[in-house]
Amino acid sequence: MKILAINGSHRKGKNTADLLNLVLEEAAALGASTELLELSDYNIKLCRSCNKCLGRPQCSITDDDMGSIGEKLLEADGIVLGSPVYWSNVSTLMKNLMDRSRYLHMVQNLLAGKVGGAVTNAGLRNGGQEATLRIMEFFLTAQGLYLVDSRNQEDPIMTSGVAGSLLADIKDGKIIWRKSAMEDEAAVLAARQLGRNMVAAIKKLKNN
C-alpha cells in the first residue's frame, strides 16, 4: 500500500508540509509506505493547450518532470493533495499540476479507483480554506478517485476537513498568531484522522 502526498506550497517543508506529514505518519503507523513530494523541487512546464491528450493518454510535453510525477501518481494507492490558500484557491504550483495531469483524465481516468484526500492551511481563521479544499476534492473526484474525509465516524464531527489556520485568537483588538500549523489542534487531529481513514479505505477496496 503506497500513499503519495503532494505539497503545492512554494515554501518547502513549512505548514502545508507539516500537515501532510501528519497524514503520512499516521498512515505509515498502520503499515503504508509513504512519500512526500514537494512540487517546488520539480520543473513542470505550463500546459500548452495543444489538445493532443484528447486522442491519447499522453502529454506532448516530455522535457520536464511531469512524466516522473505522473508515474508516481499511477503507482500510488492513495493520493493526498496539500496547498496553502491563495485567494480562496490553490497555489499556482498545485493548479499547474492539475492542468498538466489532463492526459491522465481525458481519454480514460487512469487514476480511477484510488483513494484521495486534501489538506490546506491559511493565515486567517476564515481565510478560504473550505473553498480551497473543495477545489482539490473536485479535482480528485473528477480524476476518478474515491474521496476520503477527516471525520472519525465514532465521534461527533469537529471539522469539515483538514483546514489549518495561523490565527489563534484576538485579544484587546490584537491578533495572536500561531507559530505554525502544528499549534492548530483541530487541524492536527483532522490530519491524523485523514491518514487513518485513507488506510482503512484502501484496505477495504483491496479486499473487495
N, C-alpha and C. Protein backbone atom coordinates (compact mmCIF):
# COMPACT_ATOMS: atom_id res chain seq x y z
N MET A 1 0.85 -1.20 0.00
CA MET A 1 0.00 0.00 0.00
C MET A 1 0.88 1.24 0.00
N LYS A 2 0.69 2.11 -0.98
CA LYS A 2 1.52 3.32 -1.11
C LYS A 2 0.62 4.55 -1.10
N ILE A 3 0.97 5.51 -0.24
CA ILE A 3 0.25 6.78 -0.20
C ILE A 3 1.21 7.89 -0.54
N LEU A 4 0.85 8.68 -1.55
CA LEU A 4 1.66 9.79 -2.02
C LEU A 4 1.02 11.10 -1.62
N ALA A 5 1.79 11.96 -0.95
CA ALA A 5 1.32 13.30 -0.60
C ALA A 5 2.04 14.31 -1.47
N ILE A 6 1.30 15.27 -2.00
CA ILE A 6 1.87 16.27 -2.89
C ILE A 6 1.67 17.66 -2.29
N ASN A 7 2.78 18.34 -2.03
CA ASN A 7 2.73 19.66 -1.41
C ASN A 7 2.84 20.74 -2.48
N GLY A 8 1.78 21.53 -2.63
CA GLY A 8 1.76 22.60 -3.60
C GLY A 8 2.23 23.94 -3.06
N SER A 9 2.79 23.95 -1.86
CA SER A 9 3.27 25.21 -1.30
C SER A 9 4.58 25.62 -1.95
N HIS A 10 4.75 26.93 -2.13
CA HIS A 10 6.03 27.45 -2.62
C HIS A 10 7.07 27.46 -1.50
N ARG A 11 6.62 27.26 -0.26
CA ARG A 11 7.51 27.24 0.90
C ARG A 11 7.69 25.79 1.34
N LYS A 12 8.76 25.21 0.87
CA LYS A 12 9.04 23.79 1.12
C LYS A 12 9.21 23.52 2.62
N GLY A 13 8.57 22.44 3.07
CA GLY A 13 8.78 21.99 4.44
C GLY A 13 8.13 22.84 5.51
N LYS A 14 7.18 23.69 5.14
CA LYS A 14 6.54 24.57 6.12
C LYS A 14 5.18 24.01 6.54
N ASN A 15 4.18 24.88 6.72
CA ASN A 15 2.92 24.49 7.34
C ASN A 15 2.15 23.42 6.58
N THR A 16 2.03 23.57 5.26
CA THR A 16 1.29 22.57 4.49
C THR A 16 2.00 21.23 4.53
N ALA A 17 3.33 21.27 4.43
CA ALA A 17 4.11 20.03 4.52
C ALA A 17 3.94 19.38 5.89
N ASP A 18 3.88 20.19 6.94
CA ASP A 18 3.69 19.63 8.29
C ASP A 18 2.38 18.86 8.39
N LEU A 19 1.31 19.43 7.85
CA LEU A 19 0.01 18.76 7.91
C LEU A 19 0.02 17.49 7.05
N LEU A 20 0.63 17.57 5.89
CA LEU A 20 0.72 16.37 5.04
C LEU A 20 1.54 15.28 5.72
N ASN A 21 2.60 15.67 6.39
CA ASN A 21 3.42 14.68 7.09
C ASN A 21 2.67 13.99 8.22
N LEU A 22 1.75 14.72 8.87
CA LEU A 22 0.92 14.09 9.89
C LEU A 22 0.04 13.00 9.28
N VAL A 23 -0.53 13.28 8.10
CA VAL A 23 -1.33 12.28 7.39
C VAL A 23 -0.48 11.06 7.10
N LEU A 24 0.73 11.29 6.58
CA LEU A 24 1.61 10.19 6.20
C LEU A 24 2.12 9.41 7.42
N GLU A 25 2.41 10.11 8.50
CA GLU A 25 2.88 9.43 9.72
C GLU A 25 1.82 8.46 10.24
N GLU A 26 0.58 8.91 10.24
CA GLU A 26 -0.49 8.05 10.74
C GLU A 26 -0.69 6.85 9.81
N ALA A 27 -0.60 7.09 8.49
CA ALA A 27 -0.73 6.00 7.53
C ALA A 27 0.42 5.02 7.65
N ALA A 28 1.64 5.53 7.85
CA ALA A 28 2.81 4.66 7.99
C ALA A 28 2.71 3.79 9.24
N ALA A 29 2.14 4.36 10.31
CA ALA A 29 1.97 3.59 11.55
C ALA A 29 1.04 2.41 11.35
N LEU A 30 0.20 2.50 10.31
CA LEU A 30 -0.75 1.41 10.02
C LEU A 30 -0.25 0.52 8.88
N GLY A 31 1.02 0.70 8.50
CA GLY A 31 1.63 -0.23 7.55
C GLY A 31 1.80 0.28 6.13
N ALA A 32 1.39 1.51 5.85
CA ALA A 32 1.51 2.04 4.49
C ALA A 32 2.93 2.55 4.23
N SER A 33 3.39 2.41 3.00
CA SER A 33 4.61 3.10 2.58
C SER A 33 4.19 4.48 2.09
N THR A 34 4.99 5.49 2.39
CA THR A 34 4.57 6.86 2.13
C THR A 34 5.68 7.67 1.46
N GLU A 35 5.25 8.73 0.80
CA GLU A 35 6.21 9.65 0.17
C GLU A 35 5.60 11.04 0.13
N LEU A 36 6.40 12.04 0.48
CA LEU A 36 6.00 13.44 0.35
C LEU A 36 6.73 14.04 -0.85
N LEU A 37 5.98 14.54 -1.80
CA LEU A 37 6.54 15.16 -2.99
C LEU A 37 6.34 16.66 -2.90
N GLU A 38 7.44 17.40 -2.93
CA GLU A 38 7.39 18.86 -2.87
C GLU A 38 7.43 19.41 -4.29
N LEU A 39 6.33 20.00 -4.75
CA LEU A 39 6.28 20.50 -6.12
C LEU A 39 7.33 21.57 -6.39
N SER A 40 7.76 22.27 -5.35
CA SER A 40 8.77 23.31 -5.53
C SER A 40 10.12 22.73 -5.97
N ASP A 41 10.30 21.43 -5.83
CA ASP A 41 11.54 20.77 -6.25
C ASP A 41 11.52 20.37 -7.73
N TYR A 42 10.37 20.50 -8.38
CA TYR A 42 10.20 19.96 -9.73
C TYR A 42 9.98 21.05 -10.76
N ASN A 43 10.41 20.75 -11.97
CA ASN A 43 10.18 21.64 -13.11
C ASN A 43 8.98 21.12 -13.90
N ILE A 44 7.86 21.82 -13.81
CA ILE A 44 6.65 21.43 -14.54
C ILE A 44 6.26 22.59 -15.44
N LYS A 45 6.38 22.42 -16.71
CA LYS A 45 6.04 23.48 -17.65
C LYS A 45 4.53 23.67 -17.72
N LEU A 46 4.13 24.82 -18.20
CA LEU A 46 2.71 25.13 -18.34
C LEU A 46 2.08 24.32 -19.46
N CYS A 47 0.82 23.96 -19.27
CA CYS A 47 0.06 23.30 -20.34
C CYS A 47 -0.01 24.22 -21.55
N ARG A 48 0.22 23.67 -22.75
CA ARG A 48 0.19 24.46 -23.99
C ARG A 48 -1.19 24.44 -24.64
N SER A 49 -2.12 23.70 -24.07
CA SER A 49 -3.46 23.57 -24.64
C SER A 49 -3.41 23.11 -26.09
N CYS A 50 -2.52 22.16 -26.35
CA CYS A 50 -2.38 21.64 -27.71
C CYS A 50 -3.47 20.61 -28.02
N ASN A 51 -4.12 20.09 -26.96
CA ASN A 51 -5.24 19.15 -27.08
C ASN A 51 -4.86 17.78 -27.65
N LYS A 52 -3.57 17.47 -27.70
CA LYS A 52 -3.18 16.15 -28.19
C LYS A 52 -3.61 15.04 -27.22
N CYS A 53 -3.78 15.40 -25.94
CA CYS A 53 -4.22 14.40 -24.96
C CYS A 53 -5.70 14.06 -25.12
N LEU A 54 -6.41 14.75 -26.02
CA LEU A 54 -7.80 14.39 -26.29
C LEU A 54 -7.89 13.07 -27.05
N GLY A 55 -6.81 12.69 -27.73
CA GLY A 55 -6.85 11.47 -28.52
C GLY A 55 -5.99 10.35 -27.99
N ARG A 56 -5.13 10.67 -27.02
CA ARG A 56 -4.27 9.63 -26.45
C ARG A 56 -3.92 10.01 -25.02
N PRO A 57 -3.75 9.05 -24.14
CA PRO A 57 -3.42 9.35 -22.74
C PRO A 57 -1.93 9.64 -22.57
N GLN A 58 -1.50 10.71 -23.18
CA GLN A 58 -0.08 11.07 -23.16
C GLN A 58 0.05 12.56 -23.36
N CYS A 59 0.95 13.20 -22.62
CA CYS A 59 1.19 14.63 -22.77
C CYS A 59 2.26 14.86 -23.83
N SER A 60 2.08 15.90 -24.63
CA SER A 60 3.04 16.20 -25.70
C SER A 60 4.32 16.82 -25.15
N ILE A 61 4.28 17.33 -23.91
CA ILE A 61 5.47 17.91 -23.29
C ILE A 61 6.25 16.79 -22.60
N THR A 62 7.46 16.56 -23.02
CA THR A 62 8.24 15.44 -22.49
C THR A 62 9.58 15.86 -21.88
N ASP A 63 9.88 17.18 -21.90
CA ASP A 63 11.19 17.62 -21.43
C ASP A 63 11.11 18.34 -20.09
N ASP A 64 10.20 17.87 -19.23
CA ASP A 64 10.15 18.38 -17.86
C ASP A 64 9.89 17.22 -16.91
N ASP A 65 9.49 17.51 -15.67
CA ASP A 65 9.36 16.48 -14.64
C ASP A 65 7.96 15.91 -14.50
N MET A 66 7.01 16.33 -15.33
CA MET A 66 5.64 15.86 -15.17
C MET A 66 5.52 14.36 -15.42
N GLY A 67 6.33 13.84 -16.31
CA GLY A 67 6.27 12.42 -16.59
C GLY A 67 6.59 11.57 -15.37
N SER A 68 7.63 11.96 -14.64
CA SER A 68 8.01 11.19 -13.44
C SER A 68 6.97 11.35 -12.34
N ILE A 69 6.37 12.53 -12.23
CA ILE A 69 5.31 12.72 -11.24
C ILE A 69 4.09 11.89 -11.63
N GLY A 70 3.77 11.85 -12.92
CA GLY A 70 2.66 11.03 -13.38
C GLY A 70 2.85 9.56 -13.03
N GLU A 71 4.07 9.07 -13.14
CA GLU A 71 4.36 7.68 -12.78
C GLU A 71 4.11 7.44 -11.30
N LYS A 72 4.49 8.40 -10.48
CA LYS A 72 4.25 8.27 -9.04
C LYS A 72 2.75 8.26 -8.73
N LEU A 73 1.99 9.10 -9.44
CA LEU A 73 0.54 9.12 -9.26
C LEU A 73 -0.07 7.77 -9.63
N LEU A 74 0.39 7.18 -10.71
CA LEU A 74 -0.15 5.90 -11.17
C LEU A 74 0.22 4.77 -10.22
N GLU A 75 1.39 4.84 -9.60
CA GLU A 75 1.85 3.78 -8.71
C GLU A 75 1.17 3.82 -7.35
N ALA A 76 0.67 4.98 -6.95
CA ALA A 76 0.12 5.15 -5.60
C ALA A 76 -1.27 4.53 -5.48
N ASP A 77 -1.57 4.04 -4.27
CA ASP A 77 -2.92 3.59 -3.94
C ASP A 77 -3.75 4.74 -3.39
N GLY A 78 -3.07 5.69 -2.76
CA GLY A 78 -3.75 6.86 -2.21
C GLY A 78 -2.97 8.12 -2.53
N ILE A 79 -3.67 9.21 -2.78
CA ILE A 79 -3.06 10.49 -3.13
C ILE A 79 -3.65 11.58 -2.24
N VAL A 80 -2.78 12.31 -1.54
CA VAL A 80 -3.21 13.43 -0.71
C VAL A 80 -2.65 14.72 -1.30
N LEU A 81 -3.51 15.65 -1.63
CA LEU A 81 -3.07 16.94 -2.14
C LEU A 81 -3.05 17.96 -1.01
N GLY A 82 -2.03 18.80 -1.00
CA GLY A 82 -1.94 19.86 0.00
C GLY A 82 -1.57 21.18 -0.64
N SER A 83 -2.30 22.23 -0.29
CA SER A 83 -1.98 23.56 -0.81
C SER A 83 -2.37 24.62 0.21
N PRO A 84 -1.54 25.64 0.37
CA PRO A 84 -1.99 26.80 1.14
C PRO A 84 -3.06 27.53 0.35
N VAL A 85 -3.77 28.41 1.02
CA VAL A 85 -4.83 29.17 0.37
C VAL A 85 -4.25 30.38 -0.34
N TYR A 86 -4.54 30.49 -1.63
CA TYR A 86 -4.19 31.67 -2.41
C TYR A 86 -5.49 32.25 -2.98
N TRP A 87 -6.02 33.31 -2.36
CA TRP A 87 -7.27 33.92 -2.81
C TRP A 87 -8.40 32.89 -2.92
N SER A 88 -8.60 32.13 -1.86
CA SER A 88 -9.63 31.08 -1.80
C SER A 88 -9.44 30.05 -2.91
N ASN A 89 -8.20 29.78 -3.25
CA ASN A 89 -7.88 28.84 -4.31
C ASN A 89 -6.56 28.16 -3.97
N VAL A 90 -6.17 27.22 -4.82
CA VAL A 90 -4.89 26.55 -4.63
C VAL A 90 -3.75 27.43 -5.13
N SER A 91 -2.54 27.05 -4.80
CA SER A 91 -1.36 27.77 -5.27
C SER A 91 -1.16 27.56 -6.77
N THR A 92 -0.31 28.38 -7.37
CA THR A 92 -0.02 28.20 -8.79
C THR A 92 0.68 26.87 -9.05
N LEU A 93 1.50 26.41 -8.13
CA LEU A 93 2.17 25.12 -8.30
C LEU A 93 1.15 23.99 -8.37
N MET A 94 0.17 24.01 -7.47
CA MET A 94 -0.84 22.95 -7.47
C MET A 94 -1.74 23.05 -8.69
N LYS A 95 -2.14 24.26 -9.06
CA LYS A 95 -3.00 24.43 -10.23
C LYS A 95 -2.29 23.96 -11.50
N ASN A 96 -1.00 24.24 -11.61
CA ASN A 96 -0.25 23.79 -12.78
C ASN A 96 -0.19 22.27 -12.85
N LEU A 97 0.00 21.62 -11.69
CA LEU A 97 -0.02 20.16 -11.66
C LEU A 97 -1.37 19.63 -12.14
N MET A 98 -2.44 20.24 -11.66
CA MET A 98 -3.78 19.82 -12.09
C MET A 98 -3.94 19.96 -13.60
N ASP A 99 -3.53 21.11 -14.13
CA ASP A 99 -3.65 21.33 -15.57
C ASP A 99 -2.85 20.31 -16.37
N ARG A 100 -1.65 20.02 -15.93
CA ARG A 100 -0.79 19.12 -16.68
C ARG A 100 -1.17 17.65 -16.51
N SER A 101 -2.03 17.35 -15.54
CA SER A 101 -2.49 15.97 -15.36
C SER A 101 -3.65 15.63 -16.28
N ARG A 102 -3.97 16.54 -17.18
CA ARG A 102 -5.11 16.36 -18.08
C ARG A 102 -5.01 15.06 -18.87
N TYR A 103 -3.80 14.67 -19.25
CA TYR A 103 -3.63 13.46 -20.05
C TYR A 103 -4.01 12.19 -19.30
N LEU A 104 -4.06 12.29 -17.97
CA LEU A 104 -4.48 11.15 -17.15
C LEU A 104 -5.99 11.02 -17.08
N HIS A 105 -6.70 11.97 -17.70
CA HIS A 105 -8.14 12.07 -17.49
C HIS A 105 -8.97 12.07 -18.78
N MET A 106 -8.46 12.67 -19.84
CA MET A 106 -9.32 12.96 -20.99
C MET A 106 -9.79 11.71 -21.74
N VAL A 107 -8.90 10.83 -22.07
CA VAL A 107 -9.28 9.61 -22.80
C VAL A 107 -9.84 8.57 -21.84
N GLN A 108 -9.21 8.46 -20.70
CA GLN A 108 -9.60 7.49 -19.68
C GLN A 108 -9.12 7.99 -18.33
N ASN A 109 -9.90 7.76 -17.28
CA ASN A 109 -9.47 8.14 -15.93
C ASN A 109 -8.44 7.12 -15.44
N LEU A 110 -7.16 7.39 -15.69
CA LEU A 110 -6.12 6.44 -15.35
C LEU A 110 -5.87 6.33 -13.85
N LEU A 111 -6.35 7.31 -13.09
CA LEU A 111 -6.19 7.27 -11.63
C LEU A 111 -7.44 6.74 -10.93
N ALA A 112 -8.42 6.30 -11.70
CA ALA A 112 -9.68 5.84 -11.11
C ALA A 112 -9.47 4.67 -10.18
N GLY A 113 -10.24 4.66 -9.09
CA GLY A 113 -10.18 3.56 -8.14
C GLY A 113 -9.22 3.77 -7.00
N LYS A 114 -8.42 4.83 -7.06
CA LYS A 114 -7.52 5.15 -5.96
C LYS A 114 -8.28 5.93 -4.89
N VAL A 115 -7.64 6.16 -3.76
CA VAL A 115 -8.24 6.91 -2.66
C VAL A 115 -7.59 8.28 -2.58
N GLY A 116 -8.38 9.32 -2.40
CA GLY A 116 -7.85 10.67 -2.36
C GLY A 116 -8.27 11.46 -1.14
N GLY A 117 -7.45 12.42 -0.78
CA GLY A 117 -7.75 13.33 0.32
C GLY A 117 -7.06 14.66 0.10
N ALA A 118 -7.41 15.67 0.89
CA ALA A 118 -6.86 17.01 0.69
C ALA A 118 -6.61 17.70 2.02
N VAL A 119 -5.61 18.61 1.99
CA VAL A 119 -5.17 19.35 3.17
C VAL A 119 -4.90 20.79 2.77
N THR A 120 -5.29 21.74 3.61
CA THR A 120 -4.98 23.13 3.31
C THR A 120 -4.67 23.90 4.59
N ASN A 121 -4.16 25.11 4.41
CA ASN A 121 -3.80 25.96 5.54
C ASN A 121 -3.82 27.42 5.09
N ALA A 122 -4.26 28.29 6.00
CA ALA A 122 -4.30 29.72 5.69
C ALA A 122 -3.92 30.52 6.93
N GLY A 123 -3.68 31.79 6.72
CA GLY A 123 -3.35 32.63 7.85
C GLY A 123 -4.58 32.92 8.71
N LEU A 124 -5.67 33.31 8.08
CA LEU A 124 -6.88 33.69 8.81
C LEU A 124 -7.73 32.49 9.18
N ARG A 125 -8.59 32.66 10.15
CA ARG A 125 -9.48 31.59 10.59
C ARG A 125 -10.48 31.24 9.49
N ASN A 126 -11.01 32.24 8.82
CA ASN A 126 -11.92 32.03 7.69
C ASN A 126 -11.25 32.61 6.45
N GLY A 127 -10.17 31.99 6.06
CA GLY A 127 -9.32 32.54 5.01
C GLY A 127 -9.45 31.86 3.67
N GLY A 128 -10.56 31.15 3.44
CA GLY A 128 -10.75 30.49 2.16
C GLY A 128 -10.41 29.02 2.16
N GLN A 129 -10.23 28.45 3.37
CA GLN A 129 -9.84 27.04 3.45
C GLN A 129 -10.88 26.10 2.83
N GLU A 130 -12.15 26.32 3.11
CA GLU A 130 -13.17 25.40 2.61
C GLU A 130 -13.25 25.43 1.08
N ALA A 131 -13.13 26.62 0.51
CA ALA A 131 -13.15 26.72 -0.95
C ALA A 131 -11.95 26.01 -1.57
N THR A 132 -10.79 26.17 -0.94
CA THR A 132 -9.58 25.52 -1.44
C THR A 132 -9.67 24.01 -1.34
N LEU A 133 -10.21 23.52 -0.24
CA LEU A 133 -10.42 22.08 -0.11
C LEU A 133 -11.35 21.55 -1.19
N ARG A 134 -12.44 22.28 -1.44
CA ARG A 134 -13.41 21.83 -2.44
C ARG A 134 -12.77 21.75 -3.83
N ILE A 135 -11.89 22.68 -4.15
CA ILE A 135 -11.22 22.67 -5.47
C ILE A 135 -10.35 21.43 -5.61
N MET A 136 -9.58 21.10 -4.58
CA MET A 136 -8.73 19.90 -4.64
C MET A 136 -9.58 18.64 -4.64
N GLU A 137 -10.64 18.65 -3.84
CA GLU A 137 -11.50 17.47 -3.79
C GLU A 137 -12.25 17.25 -5.10
N PHE A 138 -12.67 18.33 -5.74
CA PHE A 138 -13.32 18.19 -7.05
C PHE A 138 -12.35 17.59 -8.06
N PHE A 139 -11.12 18.07 -8.05
CA PHE A 139 -10.10 17.52 -8.95
C PHE A 139 -9.94 16.02 -8.74
N LEU A 140 -9.84 15.61 -7.49
CA LEU A 140 -9.65 14.19 -7.19
C LEU A 140 -10.82 13.34 -7.65
N THR A 141 -12.03 13.79 -7.39
CA THR A 141 -13.20 13.02 -7.80
C THR A 141 -13.35 13.02 -9.32
N ALA A 142 -13.01 14.13 -9.97
CA ALA A 142 -13.07 14.17 -11.43
C ALA A 142 -12.08 13.20 -12.05
N GLN A 143 -10.97 12.97 -11.37
CA GLN A 143 -9.97 12.01 -11.84
C GLN A 143 -10.37 10.57 -11.51
N GLY A 144 -11.49 10.39 -10.83
CA GLY A 144 -11.99 9.05 -10.56
C GLY A 144 -11.58 8.46 -9.23
N LEU A 145 -11.02 9.28 -8.34
CA LEU A 145 -10.61 8.78 -7.03
C LEU A 145 -11.80 8.75 -6.07
N TYR A 146 -11.71 7.86 -5.09
CA TYR A 146 -12.69 7.82 -4.01
C TYR A 146 -12.23 8.81 -2.94
N LEU A 147 -13.05 9.79 -2.65
CA LEU A 147 -12.67 10.84 -1.72
C LEU A 147 -12.90 10.39 -0.27
N VAL A 148 -11.90 10.65 0.56
CA VAL A 148 -11.97 10.31 1.98
C VAL A 148 -11.95 11.60 2.79
N ASP A 149 -12.78 11.69 3.82
CA ASP A 149 -12.76 12.88 4.66
C ASP A 149 -11.95 12.63 5.93
N SER A 150 -11.98 13.59 6.83
CA SER A 150 -11.14 13.51 8.04
C SER A 150 -11.96 13.27 9.29
N ARG A 151 -13.15 12.72 9.13
CA ARG A 151 -14.02 12.52 10.29
C ARG A 151 -13.80 11.15 10.92
N ASN A 152 -13.77 11.13 12.23
CA ASN A 152 -13.83 9.89 12.98
C ASN A 152 -15.30 9.57 13.17
N GLN A 153 -15.76 8.52 12.51
CA GLN A 153 -17.20 8.22 12.50
C GLN A 153 -17.74 7.86 13.87
N GLU A 154 -16.86 7.58 14.83
CA GLU A 154 -17.31 7.21 16.18
C GLU A 154 -17.52 8.42 17.08
N ASP A 155 -17.06 9.60 16.62
CA ASP A 155 -17.15 10.80 17.45
C ASP A 155 -17.98 11.88 16.75
N PRO A 156 -18.47 12.86 17.50
CA PRO A 156 -19.17 13.98 16.86
C PRO A 156 -18.23 14.71 15.91
N ILE A 157 -18.77 15.30 14.85
CA ILE A 157 -17.94 15.99 13.87
C ILE A 157 -17.33 17.25 14.50
N MET A 158 -16.02 17.45 14.27
CA MET A 158 -15.32 18.61 14.84
C MET A 158 -14.88 19.59 13.75
N THR A 159 -14.56 19.07 12.56
CA THR A 159 -14.09 19.92 11.47
C THR A 159 -14.72 19.47 10.17
N SER A 160 -14.66 20.34 9.15
CA SER A 160 -15.17 19.97 7.83
C SER A 160 -14.04 19.55 6.90
N GLY A 161 -12.87 19.29 7.47
CA GLY A 161 -11.72 18.87 6.68
C GLY A 161 -10.43 19.31 7.35
N VAL A 162 -9.31 18.94 6.74
CA VAL A 162 -8.02 19.35 7.28
C VAL A 162 -7.75 20.76 6.80
N ALA A 163 -8.09 21.73 7.64
CA ALA A 163 -8.01 23.14 7.25
C ALA A 163 -7.38 23.93 8.39
N GLY A 164 -6.08 24.11 8.33
CA GLY A 164 -5.37 24.81 9.39
C GLY A 164 -5.51 26.31 9.30
N SER A 165 -5.25 26.98 10.42
CA SER A 165 -5.27 28.43 10.49
C SER A 165 -4.16 28.89 11.43
N LEU A 166 -3.49 29.97 11.07
CA LEU A 166 -2.45 30.52 11.94
C LEU A 166 -2.99 31.55 12.91
N LEU A 167 -4.26 31.92 12.75
CA LEU A 167 -4.87 32.88 13.67
C LEU A 167 -5.36 32.13 14.91
N ALA A 168 -4.71 32.38 16.04
CA ALA A 168 -5.06 31.67 17.27
C ALA A 168 -6.17 32.36 18.04
N ASP A 169 -6.12 33.70 18.10
CA ASP A 169 -7.11 34.42 18.91
C ASP A 169 -6.97 35.92 18.64
N ILE A 170 -7.92 36.68 19.15
CA ILE A 170 -7.83 38.14 19.12
C ILE A 170 -8.11 38.65 20.52
N LYS A 171 -7.17 39.37 21.09
CA LYS A 171 -7.33 39.90 22.44
C LYS A 171 -7.01 41.39 22.43
N ASP A 172 -7.96 42.16 22.96
CA ASP A 172 -7.82 43.63 23.02
C ASP A 172 -7.53 44.21 21.63
N GLY A 173 -8.18 43.62 20.61
CA GLY A 173 -8.03 44.13 19.26
C GLY A 173 -6.75 43.72 18.56
N LYS A 174 -5.94 42.90 19.20
CA LYS A 174 -4.68 42.47 18.60
C LYS A 174 -4.74 40.98 18.26
N ILE A 175 -4.25 40.65 17.07
CA ILE A 175 -4.25 39.26 16.63
C ILE A 175 -3.10 38.50 17.29
N ILE A 176 -3.41 37.30 17.76
CA ILE A 176 -2.39 36.41 18.30
C ILE A 176 -2.19 35.29 17.28
N TRP A 177 -1.00 35.23 16.72
CA TRP A 177 -0.72 34.26 15.66
C TRP A 177 -0.08 33.00 16.23
N ARG A 178 -0.45 31.86 15.66
CA ARG A 178 0.27 30.63 15.95
C ARG A 178 1.62 30.65 15.25
N LYS A 179 2.58 29.98 15.82
CA LYS A 179 3.90 29.92 15.19
C LYS A 179 3.90 28.99 13.98
N SER A 180 3.03 27.98 14.01
CA SER A 180 2.94 27.05 12.89
C SER A 180 1.58 26.36 12.92
N ALA A 181 1.28 25.65 11.84
CA ALA A 181 0.02 24.91 11.77
C ALA A 181 -0.02 23.79 12.80
N MET A 182 1.12 23.37 13.28
CA MET A 182 1.18 22.29 14.27
C MET A 182 0.58 22.72 15.61
N GLU A 183 0.38 24.02 15.81
CA GLU A 183 -0.26 24.51 17.03
C GLU A 183 -1.77 24.57 16.89
N ASP A 184 -2.29 24.27 15.69
CA ASP A 184 -3.74 24.23 15.46
C ASP A 184 -4.22 22.81 15.76
N GLU A 185 -4.73 22.63 16.98
CA GLU A 185 -5.05 21.27 17.46
C GLU A 185 -6.10 20.60 16.58
N ALA A 186 -7.10 21.35 16.14
CA ALA A 186 -8.16 20.76 15.32
C ALA A 186 -7.59 20.26 13.99
N ALA A 187 -6.70 21.04 13.38
CA ALA A 187 -6.10 20.63 12.11
C ALA A 187 -5.20 19.41 12.29
N VAL A 188 -4.47 19.37 13.39
CA VAL A 188 -3.60 18.23 13.67
C VAL A 188 -4.41 16.95 13.84
N LEU A 189 -5.49 17.03 14.63
CA LEU A 189 -6.33 15.86 14.83
C LEU A 189 -6.97 15.41 13.52
N ALA A 190 -7.42 16.37 12.71
CA ALA A 190 -8.05 16.05 11.43
C ALA A 190 -7.06 15.40 10.47
N ALA A 191 -5.83 15.91 10.45
CA ALA A 191 -4.81 15.34 9.56
C ALA A 191 -4.50 13.90 9.93
N ARG A 192 -4.37 13.64 11.22
CA ARG A 192 -4.09 12.26 11.65
C ARG A 192 -5.26 11.34 11.32
N GLN A 193 -6.47 11.83 11.49
CA GLN A 193 -7.63 11.01 11.18
C GLN A 193 -7.74 10.75 9.68
N LEU A 194 -7.37 11.73 8.87
CA LEU A 194 -7.38 11.53 7.42
C LEU A 194 -6.44 10.41 7.04
N GLY A 195 -5.27 10.35 7.66
CA GLY A 195 -4.34 9.26 7.39
C GLY A 195 -4.92 7.91 7.73
N ARG A 196 -5.58 7.82 8.88
CA ARG A 196 -6.20 6.55 9.28
C ARG A 196 -7.34 6.18 8.33
N ASN A 197 -8.15 7.17 7.96
CA ASN A 197 -9.28 6.89 7.08
C ASN A 197 -8.83 6.46 5.68
N MET A 198 -7.72 7.03 5.21
CA MET A 198 -7.23 6.64 3.89
C MET A 198 -6.76 5.19 3.89
N VAL A 199 -6.03 4.80 4.92
CA VAL A 199 -5.58 3.40 5.01
C VAL A 199 -6.77 2.45 5.08
N ALA A 200 -7.77 2.79 5.88
CA ALA A 200 -8.95 1.94 6.00
C ALA A 200 -9.67 1.81 4.67
N ALA A 201 -9.78 2.92 3.93
CA ALA A 201 -10.47 2.89 2.64
C ALA A 201 -9.71 2.06 1.62
N ILE A 202 -8.39 2.20 1.59
CA ILE A 202 -7.57 1.43 0.65
C ILE A 202 -7.68 -0.05 0.95
N LYS A 203 -7.61 -0.43 2.22
CA LYS A 203 -7.74 -1.84 2.60
C LYS A 203 -9.09 -2.39 2.20
N LYS A 204 -10.13 -1.60 2.40
CA LYS A 204 -11.48 -2.05 2.05
C LYS A 204 -11.61 -2.27 0.54
N LEU A 205 -11.04 -1.37 -0.26
CA LEU A 205 -11.10 -1.51 -1.70
C LEU A 205 -10.31 -2.72 -2.18
N LYS A 206 -9.16 -2.96 -1.56
CA LYS A 206 -8.33 -4.09 -1.96
C LYS A 206 -8.98 -5.42 -1.60
N ASN A 207 -9.80 -5.43 -0.54
CA ASN A 207 -10.44 -6.67 -0.10
C ASN A 207 -11.72 -6.99 -0.86
N ASN A 208 -12.23 -6.01 -1.60
CA ASN A 208 -13.47 -6.22 -2.36
C ASN A 208 -13.18 -6.89 -3.71
